[in-house]
C-alpha atoms as a PDB file:
ATOM      1  CA  UNK A   1       0.000   0.000   0.000  1.00  0.00           C
ATOM      2  CA  UNK A   2       2.845   2.396   0.590  1.00  0.00           C
ATOM      3  CA  UNK A   3       3.310   2.766  -3.184  1.00  0.00           C
ATOM      4  CA  UNK A   4      -0.167   4.291  -3.407  1.00  0.00           C
ATOM      5  CA  UNK A   5       0.259   6.775  -0.586  1.00  0.00           C
ATOM      6  CA  UNK A   6       4.003   7.420  -0.529  1.00  0.00           C
ATOM      7  CA  UNK A   7       4.704  11.148  -0.523  1.00  0.00           C
ATOM      8  CA  UNK A   8       1.235  12.069   0.755  1.00  0.00           C
ATOM      9  CA  UNK A   9       0.398  13.626   4.079  1.00  0.00           C
ATOM     10  CA  UNK A  10      -1.565  10.493   5.033  1.00  0.00           C
ATOM     11  CA  UNK A  11       1.550   8.358   4.581  1.00  0.00           C
ATOM     12  CA  UNK A  12       3.890  10.801   6.290  1.00  0.00           C
ATOM     13  CA  UNK A  13       1.556  11.219   9.282  1.00  0.00           C
ATOM     14  CA  UNK A  14       2.524   7.784  10.633  1.00  0.00           C
ATOM     15  CA  UNK A  15      -0.757   7.058  12.374  1.00  0.00           C
ATOM     16  CA  UNK A  16      -0.706   4.291  15.002  1.00  0.00           C
ATOM     17  CA  UNK A  17      -3.167   2.230  12.937  1.00  0.00           C
ATOM     18  CA  UNK A  18      -1.000   2.432   9.788  1.00  0.00           C
ATOM     19  CA  UNK A  19      -0.872  -1.036   8.167  1.00  0.00           C
ATOM     20  CA  UNK A  20      -2.814  -2.616  11.025  1.00  0.00           C
ATOM     21  CA  UNK A  21      -6.041  -3.600   9.211  1.00  0.00           C
ATOM     22  CA  UNK A  22      -6.900  -6.637   7.147  1.00  0.00           C
ATOM     23  CA  UNK A  23      -8.969  -5.369   4.220  1.00  0.00           C
ATOM     24  CA  UNK A  24     -11.774  -7.155   2.412  1.00  0.00           C
ATOM     25  CA  UNK A  25     -13.561  -5.433  -0.436  1.00  0.00           C
ATOM     26  CA  UNK A  26     -16.723  -6.117  -2.386  1.00  0.00           C
ATOM     27  CA  UNK A  27     -17.698  -4.537  -5.714  1.00  0.00           C
ATOM     28  CA  UNK A  28     -21.493  -4.513  -5.946  1.00  0.00           C
ATOM     29  CA  UNK A  29     -21.447  -3.196  -9.516  1.00  0.00           C
ATOM     30  CA  UNK A  30     -21.030  -6.882 -10.458  1.00  0.00           C
ATOM     31  CA  UNK A  31     -24.450  -7.852  -9.070  1.00  0.00           C
ATOM     32  CA  UNK A  32     -26.866  -8.895 -11.827  1.00  0.00           C
ATOM     33  CA  UNK A  33     -30.470  -7.717 -11.467  1.00  0.00           C
ATOM     34  CA  UNK A  34     -32.244  -9.629 -14.248  1.00  0.00           C
ATOM     35  CA  UNK A  35     -34.509 -11.363 -11.718  1.00  0.00           C
ATOM     36  CA  UNK A  36     -34.547 -12.339  -8.050  1.00  0.00           C
ATOM     37  CA  UNK A  37     -32.837 -15.698  -8.584  1.00  0.00           C
ATOM     38  CA  UNK A  38     -30.004 -14.131 -10.597  1.00  0.00           C
ATOM     39  CA  UNK A  39     -29.678 -11.366  -8.010  1.00  0.00           C
ATOM     40  CA  UNK A  40     -29.269 -13.870  -5.157  1.00  0.00           C
ATOM     41  CA  UNK A  41     -26.733 -15.938  -7.114  1.00  0.00           C
ATOM     42  CA  UNK A  42     -24.659 -12.981  -8.255  1.00  0.00           C
ATOM     43  CA  UNK A  43     -24.688 -11.332  -4.807  1.00  0.00           C
ATOM     44  CA  UNK A  44     -23.274 -14.553  -3.359  1.00  0.00           C
ATOM     45  CA  UNK A  45     -20.730 -14.638  -6.184  1.00  0.00           C
ATOM     46  CA  UNK A  46     -19.591 -11.073  -5.422  1.00  0.00           C
ATOM     47  CA  UNK A  47     -19.010 -12.021  -1.782  1.00  0.00           C
ATOM     48  CA  UNK A  48     -17.039 -15.081  -2.909  1.00  0.00           C
ATOM     49  CA  UNK A  49     -14.878 -12.892  -5.173  1.00  0.00           C
ATOM     50  CA  UNK A  50     -14.104 -10.600  -2.227  1.00  0.00           C
ATOM     51  CA  UNK A  51     -13.351 -13.513   0.083  1.00  0.00           C
ATOM     52  CA  UNK A  52     -11.145 -15.239  -2.490  1.00  0.00           C
ATOM     53  CA  UNK A  53      -9.214 -11.994  -3.022  1.00  0.00           C
ATOM     54  CA  UNK A  54      -8.818 -11.691   0.762  1.00  0.00           C
ATOM     55  CA  UNK A  55      -7.474 -15.257   0.921  1.00  0.00           C
ATOM     56  CA  UNK A  56      -4.946 -14.463  -1.845  1.00  0.00           C
ATOM     57  CA  UNK A  57      -3.689 -11.378  -0.012  1.00  0.00           C
ATOM     58  CA  UNK A  58      -3.575 -13.147   3.370  1.00  0.00           C
ATOM     59  CA  UNK A  59      -2.539 -16.702   2.434  1.00  0.00           C
ATOM     60  CA  UNK A  60      -2.198 -17.761   6.070  1.00  0.00           C
ATOM     61  CA  UNK A  61      -5.988 -17.332   6.422  1.00  0.00           C
ATOM     62  CA  UNK A  62      -7.847 -20.542   5.611  1.00  0.00           C
ATOM     63  CA  UNK A  63     -11.574 -20.496   4.956  1.00  0.00           C
ATOM     64  CA  UNK A  64     -13.606 -23.112   3.121  1.00  0.00           C
ATOM     65  CA  UNK A  65     -17.113 -22.105   2.080  1.00  0.00           C
ATOM     66  CA  UNK A  66     -17.702 -24.987  -0.352  1.00  0.00           C
ATOM     67  CA  UNK A  67     -20.244 -26.680   1.931  1.00  0.00           C
ATOM     68  CA  UNK A  68     -22.352 -23.549   2.453  1.00  0.00           C
ATOM     69  CA  UNK A  69     -25.665 -22.894   0.712  1.00  0.00           C
ATOM     70  CA  UNK A  70     -24.666 -21.045  -2.475  1.00  0.00           C
ATOM     71  CA  UNK A  71     -27.692 -18.752  -2.124  1.00  0.00           C
ATOM     72  CA  UNK A  72     -27.185 -17.667   1.478  1.00  0.00           C
ATOM     73  CA  UNK A  73     -24.883 -14.638   1.396  1.00  0.00           C
ATOM     74  CA  UNK A  74     -25.554 -13.636   4.993  1.00  0.00           C
ATOM     75  CA  UNK A  75     -24.452 -17.020   6.347  1.00  0.00           C
ATOM     76  CA  UNK A  76     -21.382 -16.892   4.084  1.00  0.00           C
ATOM     77  CA  UNK A  77     -20.441 -13.487   5.498  1.00  0.00           C
ATOM     78  CA  UNK A  78     -21.116 -14.579   9.092  1.00  0.00           C
ATOM     79  CA  UNK A  79     -18.973 -17.702   8.667  1.00  0.00           C
ATOM     80  CA  UNK A  80     -16.230 -15.614   7.095  1.00  0.00           C
ATOM     81  CA  UNK A  81     -16.148 -13.128  10.002  1.00  0.00           C
ATOM     82  CA  UNK A  82     -16.201 -15.994  12.500  1.00  0.00           C
ATOM     83  CA  UNK A  83     -13.282 -17.693  10.716  1.00  0.00           C
ATOM     84  CA  UNK A  84     -11.454 -14.346  10.611  1.00  0.00           C
ATOM     85  CA  UNK A  85     -11.892 -13.872  14.353  1.00  0.00           C
ATOM     86  CA  UNK A  86     -10.801 -17.436  15.117  1.00  0.00           C
ATOM     87  CA  UNK A  87      -7.696 -17.094  12.952  1.00  0.00           C
ATOM     88  CA  UNK A  88      -6.508 -13.549  13.678  1.00  0.00           C
ATOM     89  CA  UNK A  89      -8.099 -13.163  17.121  1.00  0.00           C
ATOM     90  CA  UNK A  90      -8.367  -9.422  16.592  1.00  0.00           C
ATOM     91  CA  UNK A  91     -10.857  -6.720  15.683  1.00  0.00           C
ATOM     92  CA  UNK A  92      -8.904  -5.387  12.702  1.00  0.00           C
ATOM     93  CA  UNK A  93     -11.075  -6.188   9.704  1.00  0.00           C
ATOM     94  CA  UNK A  94     -11.753  -3.268   7.376  1.00  0.00           C
ATOM     95  CA  UNK A  95     -14.720  -3.834   5.042  1.00  0.00           C
ATOM     96  CA  UNK A  96     -14.799  -1.822   1.806  1.00  0.00           C
ATOM     97  CA  UNK A  97     -17.934  -1.874  -0.352  1.00  0.00           C
ATOM     98  CA  UNK A  98     -17.860  -0.141  -3.712  1.00  0.00           C
ATOM     99  CA  UNK A  99     -21.042   0.712  -5.608  1.00  0.00           C
ATOM    100  CA  UNK A 100     -23.259  -0.313  -2.664  1.00  0.00           C
ATOM    101  CA  UNK A 101     -26.267   1.239  -4.410  1.00  0.00           C
ATOM    102  CA  UNK A 102     -25.577   0.204  -8.012  1.00  0.00           C
ATOM    103  CA  UNK A 103     -27.792  -2.850  -8.236  1.00  0.00           C
ATOM    104  CA  UNK A 104     -30.358  -1.560  -5.728  1.00  0.00           C
ATOM    105  CA  UNK A 105     -30.908   1.593  -7.791  1.00  0.00           C
ATOM    106  CA  UNK A 106     -31.153  -0.519 -10.928  1.00  0.00           C
ATOM    107  CA  UNK A 107     -33.840  -2.665  -9.298  1.00  0.00           C
ATOM    108  CA  UNK A 108     -35.654   0.396  -7.965  1.00  0.00           C
ATOM    109  CA  UNK A 109     -35.926   1.785 -11.497  1.00  0.00           C
ATOM    110  CA  UNK A 110     -37.553  -1.356 -12.902  1.00  0.00           C
ATOM    111  CA  UNK A 111     -39.116  -3.442 -10.101  1.00  0.00           C
ATOM    112  CA  UNK A 112     -40.315  -1.655  -6.960  1.00  0.00           C
ATOM    113  CA  UNK A 113     -41.619  -4.869  -5.375  1.00  0.00           C
ATOM    114  CA  UNK A 114     -38.228  -6.559  -5.740  1.00  0.00           C
ATOM    115  CA  UNK A 115     -36.508  -3.468  -4.322  1.00  0.00           C
ATOM    116  CA  UNK A 116     -38.799  -3.463  -1.307  1.00  0.00           C
ATOM    117  CA  UNK A 117     -38.235  -7.181  -0.781  1.00  0.00           C
ATOM    118  CA  UNK A 118     -34.416  -6.902  -0.682  1.00  0.00           C
ATOM    119  CA  UNK A 119     -34.392  -3.907   1.669  1.00  0.00           C
ATOM    120  CA  UNK A 120     -37.413  -4.932   3.763  1.00  0.00           C
ATOM    121  CA  UNK A 121     -37.582  -7.147   6.838  1.00  0.00           C
ATOM    122  CA  UNK A 122     -35.430 -10.259   6.264  1.00  0.00           C
ATOM    123  CA  UNK A 123     -34.501  -8.916   2.814  1.00  0.00           C
ATOM    124  CA  UNK A 124     -31.174  -9.905   1.288  1.00  0.00           C
ATOM    125  CA  UNK A 125     -29.564  -6.474   1.411  1.00  0.00           C
ATOM    126  CA  UNK A 126     -30.938  -5.426   4.768  1.00  0.00           C
ATOM    127  CA  UNK A 127     -29.856  -8.742   6.314  1.00  0.00           C
ATOM    128  CA  UNK A 128     -26.363  -8.407   4.844  1.00  0.00           C
ATOM    129  CA  UNK A 129     -25.850  -4.936   6.333  1.00  0.00           C
ATOM    130  CA  UNK A 130     -27.301  -6.134   9.638  1.00  0.00           C
ATOM    131  CA  UNK A 131     -24.639  -8.890   9.608  1.00  0.00           C
ATOM    132  CA  UNK A 132     -21.950  -6.271   9.094  1.00  0.00           C
ATOM    133  CA  UNK A 133     -23.334  -4.252  11.986  1.00  0.00           C
ATOM    134  CA  UNK A 134     -23.441  -7.328  14.233  1.00  0.00           C
ATOM    135  CA  UNK A 135     -19.753  -7.973  13.503  1.00  0.00           C
ATOM    136  CA  UNK A 136     -18.789  -4.478  14.673  1.00  0.00           C
ATOM    137  CA  UNK A 137     -20.118  -4.826  18.209  1.00  0.00           C
ATOM    138  CA  UNK A 138     -18.999  -6.866  21.195  1.00  0.00           C
ATOM    139  CA  UNK A 139     -16.611  -9.608  20.185  1.00  0.00           C
ATOM    140  CA  UNK A 140     -17.077  -8.893  16.474  1.00  0.00           C
ATOM    141  CA  UNK A 141     -14.082  -8.539  14.188  1.00  0.00           C
ATOM    142  CA  UNK A 142     -14.972  -5.512  12.035  1.00  0.00           C
ATOM    143  CA  UNK A 143     -13.108  -2.369  13.046  1.00  0.00           C
ATOM    144  CA  UNK A 144     -14.210  -0.125  10.178  1.00  0.00           C
ATOM    145  CA  UNK A 145     -16.475  -0.097   7.146  1.00  0.00           C
ATOM    146  CA  UNK A 146     -16.234   2.270   4.183  1.00  0.00           C
ATOM    147  CA  UNK A 147     -19.044   2.224   1.644  1.00  0.00           C
ATOM    148  CA  UNK A 148     -19.177   4.158  -1.616  1.00  0.00           C
ATOM    149  CA  UNK A 149     -22.079   4.781  -3.954  1.00  0.00           C
ATOM    150  CA  UNK A 150     -23.806   7.399  -6.038  1.00  0.00           C
ATOM    151  CA  UNK A 151     -27.144   8.118  -4.414  1.00  0.00           C
ATOM    152  CA  UNK A 152     -28.498   8.021  -0.914  1.00  0.00           C
ATOM    153  CA  UNK A 153     -31.820   6.397  -1.864  1.00  0.00           C
ATOM    154  CA  UNK A 154     -30.637   2.914  -0.911  1.00  0.00           C
ATOM    155  CA  UNK A 155     -28.735   4.260   2.075  1.00  0.00           C
ATOM    156  CA  UNK A 156     -31.907   5.792   3.461  1.00  0.00           C
ATOM    157  CA  UNK A 157     -33.637   2.438   3.092  1.00  0.00           C
ATOM    158  CA  UNK A 158     -30.799   0.479   4.699  1.00  0.00           C
ATOM    159  CA  UNK A 159     -30.183   2.623   7.734  1.00  0.00           C
ATOM    160  CA  UNK A 160     -32.882   0.775   9.657  1.00  0.00           C
ATOM    161  CA  UNK A 161     -30.655  -2.321   9.658  1.00  0.00           C
ATOM    162  CA  UNK A 162     -27.341  -0.488   9.444  1.00  0.00           C
ATOM    163  CA  UNK A 163     -27.895   2.478  11.721  1.00  0.00           C
ATOM    164  CA  UNK A 164     -24.229   2.727  12.688  1.00  0.00           C
ATOM    165  CA  UNK A 165     -23.316   4.460   9.436  1.00  0.00           C
ATOM    166  CA  UNK A 166     -22.260   8.068   9.126  1.00  0.00           C
ATOM    167  CA  UNK A 167     -22.908   9.675   5.753  1.00  0.00           C
ATOM    168  CA  UNK A 168     -19.891  11.937   5.205  1.00  0.00           C
ATOM    169  CA  UNK A 169     -20.908  13.228   1.773  1.00  0.00           C
ATOM    170  CA  UNK A 170     -22.429  16.367   3.229  1.00  0.00           C
ATOM    171  CA  UNK A 171     -19.201  17.349   5.017  1.00  0.00           C
ATOM    172  CA  UNK A 172     -17.407  20.159   3.183  1.00  0.00           C
ATOM    173  CA  UNK A 173     -14.030  18.528   3.777  1.00  0.00           C
ATOM    174  CA  UNK A 174     -15.027  15.590   1.536  1.00  0.00           C
ATOM    175  CA  UNK A 175     -16.551  17.595  -1.324  1.00  0.00           C
ATOM    176  CA  UNK A 176     -13.536  17.376  -3.604  1.00  0.00           C
ATOM    177  CA  UNK A 177     -12.699  13.855  -2.468  1.00  0.00           C
ATOM    178  CA  UNK A 178     -16.105  12.288  -3.015  1.00  0.00           C
ATOM    179  CA  UNK A 179     -17.736  14.463  -5.624  1.00  0.00           C
ATOM    180  CA  UNK A 180     -17.409  17.309  -8.058  1.00  0.00           C
ATOM    181  CA  UNK A 181     -16.165  20.755  -7.154  1.00  0.00           C
ATOM    182  CA  UNK A 182     -18.383  23.749  -7.899  1.00  0.00           C
ATOM    183  CA  UNK A 183     -16.036  24.794 -10.730  1.00  0.00           C
ATOM    184  CA  UNK A 184     -16.284  21.322 -12.279  1.00  0.00           C
ATOM    185  CA  UNK A 185     -20.080  21.409 -12.104  1.00  0.00           C
ATOM    186  CA  UNK A 186     -20.166  24.852 -13.712  1.00  0.00           C
ATOM    187  CA  UNK A 187     -18.144  23.417 -16.594  1.00  0.00           C
ATOM    188  CA  UNK A 188     -19.906  20.059 -16.881  1.00  0.00           C
ATOM    189  CA  UNK A 189     -23.580  20.959 -16.567  1.00  0.00           C
ATOM    190  CA  UNK A 190     -23.805  23.433 -19.453  1.00  0.00           C
ATOM    191  CA  UNK A 191     -21.904  20.961 -21.673  1.00  0.00           C
ATOM    192  CA  UNK A 192     -24.395  18.189 -20.963  1.00  0.00           C
ATOM    193  CA  UNK A 193     -27.154  20.043 -22.765  1.00  0.00           C
ATOM    194  CA  UNK A 194     -25.191  20.768 -25.943  1.00  0.00           C
END
């Protein structure tokens, strides 16, 4: 990681937590929304991709999910965090989720009932974020979670099960980091209509 941040203030700061987290990341832009069955299968597949990448980066970590129900993403995630805790015996897991809202927004635009089912009580997405939350408290292993997306529509729906989140997009300090500057918008918006 030092190649990415070398020469930056973040790298030079030398924070006590520098290089202390194990990172797992999931890219939800890969979730297919053709129908509910495909959604469930591809969501599980995305978690497997993240877990397999984690296992490649931390080869000492052994985790076999081959006997798990291939449609039960929440159990897969719970077993993963349990295996992590048993192996590393620490609360240093950093969960990164990119495009958290990509497939949910896609579903919302074409199938409101399906959207409500995945974010509603016992819904796939709501249950997954509730599992993340459960792994942050008590003897859980998750130290931090960072989630990126485009709109807050799904975030508003998920906060009932994931009410530990802090939406930083409205903080001025993150404007240039997580969005467009005012100058960029002044340039881009008029050009969109030409």
